[in-house]
């Protein structure tokens, strides 16, 4: 099998040899006047040798520029496409949980025959969602245990992660079905544990988003990009900051129309204070983080505040936008579909960011056969995401009845969103002041020793 060399990370002094469709290196064709007649057998022999060395797995020839020697790198199965298959499995599980919750009573009458369901009472609705979630959690937790600490692409666990799809799909289907035979008390216990797993997922997600924003800010403000992208950075910073303030104004108009909406006024006002606080700290003379990061974080916390208010019960008089929609309204349906897609996308993007919890930055040179992302962390995030989507479909309350085509609605959901917003602001402020705090501590300790 062949592989695009541009997609392979290379270390200093090493470059992959790219071949054309005939399996010949361009340099070899140039030496032969473009015909390649005299070198074709040698190229074919090298390709066969490469395949033999790697046992049929992906293989590339890497030329070391210092010594002009060619060495073979066995890449193993391709894990980049595998992550999309796992995301598809996760999406199908979400849709299955929604079907069980909203249309299970009419579509899944056969569940009445299962003893644990007691006439389908405990296998549909809220408990049905928890059973589907438990099956998804078990699948990804098994994958986490079997792929944790994988480092190289030629590891046999890479083959298990990236291939063996018939076996894994059968395993997923079996683990999805097993919880429907479990007794109701066990499912209720899982529902309580899922609150903590969903909370862990939210914490990992906000850390990943915050670290990405600070990384983007540092990249744009580096000496290499500052002069070239100075104007673009300023424009994006102004647009983001103005957009955050505009969002706050709109929330005052839509969700706090009267003084009686004290809770919504509190939510929006705290968000305004957080945006101003993040901006003030970022432009402080000791921090000097600029306006880009606080602008983007302002957009993020405003979105979380909007999500929190939208999660309030639709009967709430201060939630004017929610009062307009009914359970069959096209806007409500579109919001539901978008919310499900966002859940899957957030789980996917967080899962491949295996370095988001590495607070101590270490510069290590990557090798050609390193895995592109942490398999164990990827599956762990999806396992926590299984608990998270269960809480969204149930409004973080298994005893609450959810309307059709609704997701993440209820006072519990609203307060979870608000807490997530405040925690995101705290995490950002800590990330930008932590280097200063640690530096001052190191200076103080060194002066004391002197």
Protein backbone atom coordinates (compact mmCIF):
# COMPACT_ATOMS: atom_id res chain seq x y z
CA UNK A 1 0.00 0.00 0.00
CA UNK A 2 1.17 3.58 -0.65
CA UNK A 3 0.85 6.66 1.50
CA UNK A 4 1.06 10.36 0.75
CA UNK A 5 4.46 11.38 2.17
CA UNK A 6 3.25 14.94 2.83
CA UNK A 7 0.96 13.55 5.51
CA UNK A 8 3.83 11.90 7.41
CA UNK A 9 5.57 13.95 10.13
CA UNK A 10 9.30 14.07 9.48
CA UNK A 11 12.15 14.96 11.75
CA UNK A 12 15.09 17.19 10.86
CA UNK A 13 17.28 15.91 8.08
CA UNK A 14 14.82 13.25 6.99
CA UNK A 15 12.43 13.40 4.08
CA UNK A 16 10.13 10.76 2.57
CA UNK A 17 10.73 9.67 -0.98
CA UNK A 18 7.61 10.35 -3.01
CA UNK A 19 6.74 8.06 -5.89
CA UNK A 20 4.55 8.55 -8.92
CA UNK A 21 1.83 6.18 -10.07
CA UNK A 22 4.40 3.79 -11.54
CA UNK A 23 6.16 3.45 -8.20
CA UNK A 24 9.20 5.52 -9.25
CA UNK A 25 10.80 8.41 -7.47
CA UNK A 26 10.86 11.67 -9.51
CA UNK A 27 14.60 12.01 -8.97
CA UNK A 28 15.16 8.59 -10.51
CA UNK A 29 13.11 9.52 -13.57
CA UNK A 30 15.12 12.69 -14.02
CA UNK A 31 18.36 10.73 -13.95
CA UNK A 32 16.99 8.42 -16.63
CA UNK A 33 15.87 11.22 -18.88
CA UNK A 34 12.22 10.87 -17.90
CA UNK A 35 11.71 7.37 -19.27
CA UNK A 36 12.52 5.46 -16.11
CA UNK A 37 13.26 2.31 -18.12
CA UNK A 38 16.52 1.36 -16.38
CA UNK A 39 15.36 2.04 -12.84
CA UNK A 40 11.85 0.58 -12.94
CA UNK A 41 12.95 -2.94 -11.93
CA UNK A 42 14.97 -1.55 -9.04
CA UNK A 43 12.04 0.59 -7.88
CA UNK A 44 9.69 -2.39 -8.04
CA UNK A 45 12.21 -4.46 -6.10
CA UNK A 46 12.43 -1.78 -3.41
CA UNK A 47 8.64 -1.60 -3.17
CA UNK A 48 8.44 -5.36 -2.74
CA UNK A 49 11.17 -5.19 -0.09
CA UNK A 50 9.28 -2.45 1.74
CA UNK A 51 6.07 -4.46 1.74
CA UNK A 52 7.88 -7.59 2.90
CA UNK A 53 9.54 -5.77 5.76
CA UNK A 54 6.22 -4.46 7.06
CA UNK A 55 4.19 -7.60 6.53
CA UNK A 56 1.82 -5.92 4.06
CA UNK A 57 1.15 -2.85 6.25
CA UNK A 58 1.59 0.73 5.07
CA UNK A 59 5.23 1.46 4.34
CA UNK A 60 7.23 4.42 3.09
CA UNK A 61 10.88 4.95 2.18
CA UNK A 62 12.51 7.80 4.10
CA UNK A 63 15.75 9.31 2.81
CA UNK A 64 18.13 10.82 5.34
CA UNK A 65 19.58 13.91 3.70
CA UNK A 66 22.81 13.83 5.72
CA UNK A 67 23.80 10.28 4.72
CA UNK A 68 21.62 9.84 1.60
CA UNK A 69 20.61 6.47 3.01
CA UNK A 70 17.09 5.11 2.56
CA UNK A 71 15.35 3.44 5.44
CA UNK A 72 11.93 1.82 5.59
CA UNK A 73 9.23 3.04 8.00
CA UNK A 74 6.32 0.69 8.70
CA UNK A 75 3.24 2.81 9.38
CA UNK A 76 0.71 0.13 10.28
CA UNK A 77 -3.05 0.65 9.82
CA UNK A 78 -4.35 4.19 9.27
CA UNK A 79 -5.95 5.52 12.49
CA UNK A 80 -7.05 8.82 10.95
CA UNK A 81 -10.08 7.36 9.19
CA UNK A 82 -10.97 5.22 12.20
CA UNK A 83 -11.92 8.24 14.31
CA UNK A 84 -14.67 9.16 11.83
CA UNK A 85 -16.13 5.66 12.06
CA UNK A 86 -16.23 5.93 15.86
CA UNK A 87 -17.94 9.32 15.53
CA UNK A 88 -20.52 7.73 13.22
CA UNK A 89 -21.17 4.97 15.78
CA UNK A 90 -21.58 7.65 18.44
CA UNK A 91 -24.04 9.59 16.25
CA UNK A 92 -26.11 6.47 15.55
CA UNK A 93 -26.23 5.78 19.30
CA UNK A 94 -27.50 9.32 19.93
CA UNK A 95 -30.25 8.89 17.35
CA UNK A 96 -31.16 5.52 18.84
CA UNK A 97 -31.48 7.06 22.32
CA UNK A 98 -33.68 9.83 20.93
CA UNK A 99 -35.89 7.26 19.17
CA UNK A 100 -36.31 5.26 22.37
CA UNK A 101 -37.21 8.42 24.29
CA UNK A 102 -39.67 10.05 21.86
CA UNK A 103 -41.09 7.21 19.77
CA UNK A 104 -40.22 4.08 21.73
CA UNK A 105 -43.74 3.36 22.94
CA UNK A 106 -45.06 3.01 19.41
CA UNK A 107 -42.01 1.52 17.70
CA UNK A 108 -40.54 -0.85 20.30
CA UNK A 109 -43.49 -2.86 21.55
CA UNK A 110 -41.41 -6.04 21.44
CA UNK A 111 -39.58 -4.87 24.58
CA UNK A 112 -42.60 -5.94 26.57
CA UNK A 113 -41.34 -9.51 26.34
CA UNK A 114 -38.13 -8.74 28.26
CA UNK A 115 -38.38 -9.52 31.97
CA UNK A 116 -36.23 -6.57 33.03
CA UNK A 117 -38.50 -4.14 31.20
CA UNK A 118 -41.67 -5.10 33.09
CA UNK A 119 -44.02 -4.46 30.20
CA UNK A 120 -41.64 -1.96 28.52
CA UNK A 121 -42.13 0.47 31.40
CA UNK A 122 -38.46 0.50 32.32
CA UNK A 123 -36.97 0.20 28.81
CA UNK A 124 -38.51 3.27 27.19
CA UNK A 125 -38.46 6.96 27.96
CA UNK A 126 -35.84 8.06 30.49
CA UNK A 127 -34.67 4.59 31.43
CA UNK A 128 -34.46 3.63 27.77
CA UNK A 129 -32.05 6.52 27.21
CA UNK A 130 -29.97 5.41 30.19
CA UNK A 131 -29.83 1.84 28.89
CA UNK A 132 -28.66 2.99 25.45
CA UNK A 133 -26.13 5.29 27.10
CA UNK A 134 -24.83 2.46 29.29
CA UNK A 135 -24.27 0.25 26.25
CA UNK A 136 -22.37 3.02 24.48
CA UNK A 137 -20.33 3.71 27.61
CA UNK A 138 -19.39 0.04 27.95
CA UNK A 139 -18.28 -0.16 24.32
CA UNK A 140 -15.98 2.86 24.46
CA UNK A 141 -14.71 1.94 27.93
CA UNK A 142 -13.70 -1.48 26.62
CA UNK A 143 -11.94 0.27 23.74
CA UNK A 144 -10.25 2.59 26.25
CA UNK A 145 -8.93 -0.31 28.31
CA UNK A 146 -7.68 -2.13 25.21
CA UNK A 147 -5.93 0.84 23.55
CA UNK A 148 -4.60 2.90 26.47
CA UNK A 149 -0.90 3.83 26.38
CA UNK A 150 -0.50 2.97 22.69
CA UNK A 151 2.50 4.87 21.36
CA UNK A 152 3.51 3.53 17.94
CA UNK A 153 1.54 2.83 14.76
CA UNK A 154 3.10 -0.62 14.41
CA UNK A 155 1.69 -1.63 17.81
CA UNK A 156 -0.88 -4.42 17.49
CA UNK A 157 -3.32 -2.23 19.45
CA UNK A 158 -3.28 0.23 16.55
CA UNK A 159 -4.60 -2.58 14.39
CA UNK A 160 -7.38 -3.20 16.93
CA UNK A 161 -8.20 0.52 17.05
CA UNK A 162 -8.12 1.10 13.29
CA UNK A 163 -9.34 -2.21 11.88
CA UNK A 164 -11.40 -5.26 12.90
CA UNK A 165 -14.63 -3.37 12.21
CA UNK A 166 -16.95 -6.40 11.89
CA UNK A 167 -15.85 -7.58 15.33
CA UNK A 168 -16.19 -4.13 16.92
CA UNK A 169 -19.59 -3.46 15.37
CA UNK A 170 -20.80 -6.82 16.69
CA UNK A 171 -19.36 -5.89 20.10
CA UNK A 172 -21.12 -2.50 20.01
CA UNK A 173 -24.45 -4.10 19.11
CA UNK A 174 -24.09 -6.71 21.84
CA UNK A 175 -23.16 -4.17 24.52
CA UNK A 176 -26.06 -1.95 23.41
CA UNK A 177 -28.48 -4.84 23.88
CA UNK A 178 -27.12 -6.13 27.21
CA UNK A 179 -28.40 -3.21 29.38
CA UNK A 180 -31.99 -3.99 28.33
CA UNK A 181 -31.69 -7.21 30.35
CA UNK A 182 -30.37 -5.39 33.44
CA UNK A 183 -32.67 -4.68 36.41
CA UNK A 184 -34.06 -1.19 36.87
CA UNK A 185 -32.14 -0.41 40.14
CA UNK A 186 -28.84 -0.94 38.31
CA UNK A 187 -29.90 1.45 35.56
CA UNK A 188 -30.95 4.05 38.13
CA UNK A 189 -27.54 3.72 39.78
CA UNK A 190 -25.88 4.28 36.40
CA UNK A 191 -28.03 7.39 35.96
CA UNK A 192 -26.59 8.83 39.17
CA UNK A 193 -23.02 8.00 38.14
CA UNK A 194 -23.65 9.51 34.70
CA UNK A 195 -24.04 12.95 36.30
CA UNK A 196 -20.39 12.85 37.34
CA UNK A 197 -19.22 11.41 34.02
CA UNK A 198 -21.07 14.12 32.10
CA UNK A 199 -19.56 16.73 34.39
CA UNK A 200 -16.08 15.36 33.71
CA UNK A 201 -16.80 15.56 29.99
CA UNK A 202 -17.80 19.23 30.28
CA UNK A 203 -14.63 20.04 32.22
CA UNK A 204 -12.42 18.32 29.62
CA UNK A 205 -14.28 20.09 26.83
CA UNK A 206 -13.96 23.58 28.29
CA UNK A 207 -10.26 23.02 29.02
CA UNK A 208 -9.76 21.91 25.42
CA UNK A 209 -11.58 24.97 24.04
CA UNK A 210 -9.75 27.35 26.38
CA UNK A 211 -6.35 25.89 25.57
CA UNK A 212 -7.10 26.14 21.84
CA UNK A 213 -8.00 29.83 22.18
CA UNK A 214 -4.84 30.62 24.18
CA UNK A 215 -2.74 28.62 21.69
CA UNK A 216 -4.28 30.51 18.76
CA UNK A 217 -3.61 33.81 20.51
CA UNK A 218 0.04 32.90 21.19
CA UNK A 219 0.47 31.75 17.60
CA UNK A 220 -0.94 34.98 16.14
CA UNK A 221 1.15 37.12 18.51
CA UNK A 222 4.42 35.30 17.83
CA UNK A 223 7.25 37.21 16.15
CA UNK A 224 6.85 35.11 13.02
CA UNK A 225 3.17 35.96 12.47
CA UNK A 226 2.67 39.27 14.28
CA UNK A 227 3.89 41.53 11.46
CA UNK A 228 2.24 39.49 8.72
CA UNK A 229 -1.15 39.05 10.43
CA UNK A 230 -1.29 42.15 12.61
CA UNK A 231 -4.22 43.75 10.79
CA UNK A 232 -6.20 40.50 10.55
CA UNK A 233 -5.72 39.83 14.26
CA UNK A 234 -6.93 43.32 15.16
CA UNK A 235 -10.03 42.97 12.98
CA UNK A 236 -10.92 39.56 14.42
CA UNK A 237 -10.34 40.81 17.97
CA UNK A 238 -12.63 43.82 17.48
CA UNK A 239 -15.34 41.74 15.78
CA UNK A 240 -15.23 39.09 18.53
CA UNK A 241 -15.35 41.64 21.35
CA UNK A 242 -18.17 43.64 19.75
CA UNK A 243 -20.02 40.38 18.99
CA UNK A 244 -19.80 39.35 22.65
CA UNK A 245 -21.20 42.70 23.80
CA UNK A 246 -23.95 42.56 21.16
CA UNK A 247 -24.90 39.08 22.36
CA UNK A 248 -25.19 40.37 25.91
CA UNK A 249 -27.44 43.23 24.79
CA UNK A 250 -29.68 40.83 22.86
CA UNK A 251 -29.98 38.54 25.88
CA UNK A 252 -31.09 41.49 27.99
CA UNK A 253 -33.75 42.31 25.40
CA UNK A 254 -34.96 38.74 24.77
CA UNK A 255 -34.63 37.06 28.15
CA UNK A 256 -34.81 39.90 30.69
CA UNK A 257 -37.61 42.13 29.38
CA UNK A 258 -38.87 43.07 32.88
CA UNK A 259 -37.36 43.52 36.32
CA UNK A 260 -39.19 40.41 37.50
CA UNK A 261 -36.75 38.25 35.47
CA UNK A 262 -34.17 38.57 38.23
CA UNK A 263 -32.44 35.26 37.58
CA UNK A 264 -31.89 35.96 33.89
CA UNK A 265 -30.69 39.45 34.71
CA UNK A 266 -28.19 37.87 37.13
CA UNK A 267 -26.96 35.40 34.51
CA UNK A 268 -26.46 38.05 31.82
CA UNK A 269 -24.90 40.59 34.20
CA UNK A 270 -22.39 38.07 35.53
CA UNK A 271 -21.51 37.20 31.92
CA UNK A 272 -20.89 40.90 31.19
CA UNK A 273 -18.65 41.16 34.25
CA UNK A 274 -16.71 38.06 33.22
CA UNK A 275 -16.12 39.41 29.70
CA UNK A 276 -14.82 42.71 31.08
CA UNK A 277 -12.70 40.92 33.70
CA UNK A 278 -11.08 38.61 31.14
CA UNK A 279 -10.35 41.59 28.88
CA UNK A 280 -8.89 43.68 31.72
CA UNK A 281 -6.57 40.89 32.87
CA UNK A 282 -5.50 40.03 29.31
CA UNK A 283 -4.39 43.59 28.47
CA UNK A 284 -2.68 44.09 31.82
CA UNK A 285 0.95 45.18 31.49
CA UNK A 286 2.18 42.02 33.21
CA UNK A 287 0.10 39.61 31.14
CA UNK A 288 0.04 41.30 27.69
CA UNK A 289 -2.23 38.69 26.09
CA UNK A 290 -3.90 41.19 23.76
CA UNK A 291 -7.55 41.39 22.74
CA UNK A 292 -7.90 38.30 20.56
CA UNK A 293 -8.10 35.68 23.33
CA UNK A 294 -10.53 37.60 25.57
CA UNK A 295 -12.66 38.39 22.52
CA UNK A 296 -12.96 34.75 21.54
CA UNK A 297 -13.49 33.69 25.15
CA UNK A 298 -16.16 36.39 25.40
CA UNK A 299 -18.01 34.82 22.47
CA UNK A 300 -17.67 31.40 24.15
CA UNK A 301 -19.02 32.45 27.56
CA UNK A 302 -21.86 34.43 25.94
CA UNK A 303 -22.80 31.29 24.02
CA UNK A 304 -22.77 29.26 27.24
CA UNK A 305 -24.96 31.86 28.96
CA UNK A 306 -27.40 31.82 26.03
CA UNK A 307 -27.47 28.01 26.17
CA UNK A 308 -28.21 28.15 29.89
CA UNK A 309 -31.14 30.52 29.48
CA UNK A 310 -32.45 28.52 26.53
CA UNK A 311 -32.37 25.45 28.78
CA UNK A 312 -34.84 26.99 31.19
CA UNK A 313 -38.29 25.35 31.12
CA UNK A 314 -40.32 26.57 28.17
CA UNK A 315 -43.14 27.60 30.50
CA UNK A 316 -40.91 30.26 32.04
CA UNK A 317 -42.41 33.68 31.28
CA UNK A 318 -39.00 35.32 30.86
CA UNK A 319 -38.01 32.89 28.11
CA UNK A 320 -39.87 34.60 25.27
CA UNK A 321 -38.05 32.84 22.48
CA UNK A 322 -38.91 29.41 23.89
CA UNK A 323 -42.57 30.32 24.30
CA UNK A 324 -42.88 30.86 20.57
CA UNK A 325 -41.82 27.30 19.71
CA UNK A 326 -43.95 24.22 20.11
CA UNK A 327 -42.87 20.60 20.24
CA UNK A 328 -43.51 20.23 16.50
CA UNK A 329 -42.22 23.63 15.41
CA UNK A 330 -39.65 23.50 12.61
CA UNK A 331 -37.31 25.83 14.53
CA UNK A 332 -37.40 23.52 17.53
CA UNK A 333 -36.70 20.50 15.31
CA UNK A 334 -33.80 22.31 13.60
CA UNK A 335 -32.41 23.30 17.00
CA UNK A 336 -32.62 19.69 18.15
CA UNK A 337 -30.80 18.37 15.06
CA UNK A 338 -28.09 21.02 15.36
CA UNK A 339 -27.71 20.25 19.07
CA UNK A 340 -27.17 16.54 18.39
CA UNK A 341 -24.59 17.31 15.69
CA UNK A 342 -22.83 19.73 18.06
CA UNK A 343 -22.67 17.05 20.76
CA UNK A 344 -21.03 14.59 18.36
CA UNK A 345 -18.66 17.24 16.96
CA UNK A 346 -17.69 18.43 20.44
CA UNK A 347 -16.99 14.87 21.55
CA UNK A 348 -14.95 14.21 18.40
CA UNK A 349 -12.87 17.41 18.63
CA UNK A 350 -12.22 16.95 22.34
CA UNK A 351 -11.31 13.28 21.89
CA UNK A 352 -8.50 13.97 19.43
CA UNK A 353 -7.05 16.71 21.67
CA UNK A 354 -5.19 14.32 23.94
CA UNK A 355 -2.76 17.05 25.07
CA UNK A 356 -5.43 19.32 26.56
CA UNK A 357 -4.81 17.93 30.07
CA UNK A 358 -1.02 18.17 29.83
CA UNK A 359 -0.56 21.40 31.76
CA UNK A 360 3.22 21.09 31.74
CA UNK A 361 4.33 21.84 28.20
CA UNK A 362 7.21 19.73 26.98
CA UNK A 363 8.77 19.99 23.55
CA UNK A 364 9.37 16.49 22.22
CA UNK A 365 10.41 15.66 18.68
CA UNK A 366 7.82 13.48 16.97
CA UNK A 367 8.91 10.35 15.16
CA UNK A 368 7.59 8.89 11.93
CA UNK A 369 5.81 5.98 13.61
CA UNK A 370 4.15 7.93 16.45
CA UNK A 371 0.37 7.68 16.62
CA UNK A 372 -1.36 10.92 15.53
CA UNK A 373 -3.57 11.15 18.63
CA UNK A 374 -3.99 9.34 21.94
CA UNK A 375 -6.22 6.31 21.41
CA UNK A 376 -6.94 5.77 25.09
CA UNK A 377 -7.88 9.39 25.70
CA UNK A 378 -10.01 9.38 22.55
CA UNK A 379 -12.12 6.46 23.74
CA UNK A 380 -12.25 7.79 27.30
CA UNK A 381 -13.76 11.05 26.07
CA UNK A 382 -16.32 9.15 24.01
CA UNK A 383 -17.20 7.05 27.07
CA UNK A 384 -17.79 10.23 29.08
CA UNK A 385 -19.67 11.64 26.09
CA UNK A 386 -22.04 8.67 26.30
CA UNK A 387 -22.97 9.79 29.81
CA UNK A 388 -23.18 13.39 28.64
CA UNK A 389 -25.69 12.79 25.86
CA UNK A 390 -27.86 10.82 28.29
CA UNK A 391 -27.98 13.84 30.59
CA UNK A 392 -28.85 16.12 27.67
CA UNK A 393 -31.74 13.92 26.54
CA UNK A 394 -33.02 13.74 30.13
CA UNK A 395 -32.41 17.36 31.09
CA UNK A 396 -30.02 16.16 33.83
CA UNK A 397 -33.04 14.77 35.68
CA UNK A 398 -34.19 11.19 35.05
CA UNK A 399 -37.53 11.88 36.76
CA UNK A 400 -38.37 14.78 34.45
CA UNK A 401 -40.62 14.24 31.44
CA UNK A 402 -39.08 15.67 28.27
CA UNK A 403 -41.16 16.91 25.36
CA UNK A 404 -40.56 15.60 21.86
CA UNK A 405 -37.76 17.23 19.86
CA UNK A 406 -36.28 18.85 22.95
CA UNK A 407 -32.80 18.47 24.36
CA UNK A 408 -31.11 19.83 27.48
CA UNK A 409 -34.22 21.54 28.89
CA UNK A 410 -34.87 22.03 32.62
CA UNK A 411 -33.60 23.99 35.58
CA UNK A 412 -30.91 21.40 36.25
CA UNK A 413 -29.62 21.84 32.68
CA UNK A 414 -29.67 25.63 33.05
CA UNK A 415 -27.58 25.60 36.22
CA UNK A 416 -25.12 23.10 34.73
CA UNK A 417 -24.61 25.43 31.76
CA UNK A 418 -24.15 28.45 34.03
CA UNK A 419 -21.61 26.59 36.15
CA UNK A 420 -19.80 25.54 33.00
CA UNK A 421 -19.66 29.16 31.86
CA UNK A 422 -18.23 30.43 35.13
CA UNK A 423 -15.71 27.59 35.26
CA UNK A 424 -14.58 28.35 31.68
CA UNK A 425 -13.86 31.97 32.61
CA UNK A 426 -11.94 30.88 35.71
CA UNK A 427 -9.93 28.36 33.67
CA UNK A 428 -8.99 31.01 31.09
CA UNK A 429 -7.94 33.55 33.73
CA UNK A 430 -5.81 30.93 35.45
CA UNK A 431 -4.17 29.87 32.20
CA UNK A 432 -2.97 33.39 31.40
CA UNK A 433 -1.83 34.32 34.93
CA UNK A 434 -0.37 30.94 35.90
CA UNK A 435 2.98 31.54 34.09
CA UNK A 436 3.38 34.83 35.99
CA UNK A 437 2.51 33.23 39.31
CA UNK A 438 4.92 30.32 38.81
CA UNK A 439 7.66 32.66 37.59
CA UNK A 440 7.33 34.89 40.64
CA UNK A 441 7.44 31.83 42.93
CA UNK A 442 10.59 30.58 41.22
CA UNK A 443 12.24 34.00 41.54
CA UNK A 444 11.25 34.17 45.22
CA UNK A 445 12.60 30.71 45.99
CA UNK A 446 15.88 31.37 44.15
CA UNK A 447 16.42 34.66 46.00
CA UNK A 448 15.75 32.92 49.32
CA UNK A 449 18.33 30.22 48.54
CA UNK A 450 20.85 32.88 47.59
